[in-house]
Amino acid sequence: MRKEYDFAKMKGRKNPYSRLLKKQVTLRLGVDVIEYFKQLAQEAGIPYQNLINLYLKDCAHSRKKLILKWAS
């Protein structure tokens, strides 16, 4: 093994599996919902889209079900 390696000449390469990790979708979210997550994300120091993804992932893993009761 060498004592030092020169990475300056190394060419970058995209991760071939990155496209399998996430899929781009278009969602229509309320302005109040976006502002809520933006505020939480700023407090946590992460991008709000990542925070929304983490929240939805937690809901999916814990199998949360939304119970809707419509007024009759």
C-alpha atoms as a PDB file:
ATOM      1  CA  MET A   1       0.000   0.000   0.000  1.00  0.00           C
ATOM      2  CA  ARG A   2       1.106   3.522  -0.684  1.00  0.00           C
ATOM      3  CA  LYS A   3       1.541   6.098   2.028  1.00  0.00           C
ATOM      4  CA  GLU A   4      -0.326   8.727   0.002  1.00  0.00           C
ATOM      5  CA  TYR A   5      -2.761   8.671  -2.901  1.00  0.00           C
ATOM      6  CA  ASP A   6      -3.385  11.451  -5.441  1.00  0.00           C
ATOM      7  CA  PHE A   7      -7.145  11.832  -5.974  1.00  0.00           C
ATOM      8  CA  ALA A   8      -6.849  15.053  -8.004  1.00  0.00           C
ATOM      9  CA  LYS A   9      -6.802  13.153 -11.307  1.00  0.00           C
ATOM     10  CA  MET A  10      -9.587  10.795 -10.336  1.00  0.00           C
ATOM     11  CA  LYS A  11     -12.763  11.026 -12.420  1.00  0.00           C
ATOM     12  CA  GLY A  12     -16.097  11.188 -10.626  1.00  0.00           C
ATOM     13  CA  ARG A  13     -18.750   8.589 -11.332  1.00  0.00           C
ATOM     14  CA  LYS A  14     -22.485   8.632 -10.668  1.00  0.00           C
ATOM     15  CA  ASN A  15     -23.967   5.999  -8.427  1.00  0.00           C
ATOM     16  CA  PRO A  16     -25.766   3.577 -10.789  1.00  0.00           C
ATOM     17  CA  TYR A  17     -28.289   2.696  -8.090  1.00  0.00           C
ATOM     18  CA  SER A  18     -29.241   6.264  -7.137  1.00  0.00           C
ATOM     19  CA  ARG A  19     -32.236   6.364  -9.472  1.00  0.00           C
ATOM     20  CA  LEU A  20     -33.633   3.295  -7.723  1.00  0.00           C
ATOM     21  CA  LEU A  21     -33.563   4.985  -4.316  1.00  0.00           C
ATOM     22  CA  LYS A  22     -36.026   7.799  -5.022  1.00  0.00           C
ATOM     23  CA  LYS A  23     -38.606   8.606  -7.669  1.00  0.00           C
ATOM     24  CA  GLN A  24     -39.601  12.112  -8.635  1.00  0.00           C
ATOM     25  CA  VAL A  25     -43.325  12.854  -8.344  1.00  0.00           C
ATOM     26  CA  THR A  26     -45.451  15.969  -8.495  1.00  0.00           C
ATOM     27  CA  LEU A  27     -47.646  16.714  -5.493  1.00  0.00           C
ATOM     28  CA  ARG A  28     -50.023  19.553  -4.870  1.00  0.00           C
ATOM     29  CA  LEU A  29     -49.598  20.563  -1.248  1.00  0.00           C
ATOM     30  CA  GLY A  30     -51.300  23.385   0.553  1.00  0.00           C
ATOM     31  CA  VAL A  31     -49.280  26.525   1.184  1.00  0.00           C
ATOM     32  CA  ASP A  32     -49.837  26.116   4.919  1.00  0.00           C
ATOM     33  CA  VAL A  33     -48.457  22.549   4.806  1.00  0.00           C
ATOM     34  CA  ILE A  34     -45.340  23.666   2.933  1.00  0.00           C
ATOM     35  CA  GLU A  35     -44.757  26.547   5.335  1.00  0.00           C
ATOM     36  CA  TYR A  36     -45.157  24.191   8.311  1.00  0.00           C
ATOM     37  CA  PHE A  37     -42.531  21.779   6.985  1.00  0.00           C
ATOM     38  CA  LYS A  38     -40.221  24.621   5.933  1.00  0.00           C
ATOM     39  CA  GLN A  39     -40.309  25.989   9.471  1.00  0.00           C
ATOM     40  CA  LEU A  40     -39.645  22.556  10.996  1.00  0.00           C
ATOM     41  CA  ALA A  41     -36.859  21.915   8.502  1.00  0.00           C
ATOM     42  CA  GLN A  42     -35.182  25.221   9.301  1.00  0.00           C
ATOM     43  CA  GLU A  43     -35.222  24.345  13.012  1.00  0.00           C
ATOM     44  CA  ALA A  44     -33.795  20.887  12.257  1.00  0.00           C
ATOM     45  CA  GLY A  45     -31.251  22.214   9.761  1.00  0.00           C
ATOM     46  CA  ILE A  46     -32.271  19.983   6.852  1.00  0.00           C
ATOM     47  CA  PRO A  47     -34.039  20.690   3.534  1.00  0.00           C
ATOM     48  CA  TYR A  48     -37.817  20.678   3.857  1.00  0.00           C
ATOM     49  CA  GLN A  49     -38.257  18.129   1.049  1.00  0.00           C
ATOM     50  CA  ASN A  50     -36.047  15.692   2.948  1.00  0.00           C
ATOM     51  CA  LEU A  51     -38.106  16.332   6.091  1.00  0.00           C
ATOM     52  CA  ILE A  52     -41.357  15.592   4.254  1.00  0.00           C
ATOM     53  CA  ASN A  53     -39.771  12.417   2.848  1.00  0.00           C
ATOM     54  CA  LEU A  54     -38.646  11.335   6.327  1.00  0.00           C
ATOM     55  CA  TYR A  55     -42.113  11.968   7.753  1.00  0.00           C
ATOM     56  CA  LEU A  56     -43.849  10.006   4.996  1.00  0.00           C
ATOM     57  CA  LYS A  57     -41.304   7.199   5.313  1.00  0.00           C
ATOM     58  CA  ASP A  58     -42.045   7.001   9.051  1.00  0.00           C
ATOM     59  CA  CYS A  59     -45.771   6.820   8.305  1.00  0.00           C
ATOM     60  CA  ALA A  60     -45.193   4.027   5.782  1.00  0.00           C
ATOM     61  CA  HIS A  61     -42.917   2.004   8.075  1.00  0.00           C
ATOM     62  CA  SER A  62     -45.266   2.277  11.049  1.00  0.00           C
ATOM     63  CA  ARG A  63     -48.285   1.562   8.793  1.00  0.00           C
ATOM     64  CA  LYS A  64     -50.183   4.630   9.992  1.00  0.00           C
ATOM     65  CA  LYS A  65     -53.753   4.800   8.756  1.00  0.00           C
ATOM     66  CA  LEU A  66     -55.660   8.031   8.332  1.00  0.00           C
ATOM     67  CA  ILE A  67     -59.145   7.926   9.814  1.00  0.00           C
ATOM     68  CA  LEU A  68     -61.480  10.327   8.074  1.00  0.00           C
ATOM     69  CA  LYS A  69     -64.919  11.125   9.463  1.00  0.00           C
ATOM     70  CA  TRP A  70     -67.000  13.284   7.184  1.00  0.00           C
ATOM     71  CA  ALA A  71     -69.683  15.464   8.695  1.00  0.00           C
ATOM     72  CA  SER A  72     -73.126  14.254   7.666  1.00  0.00           C
END
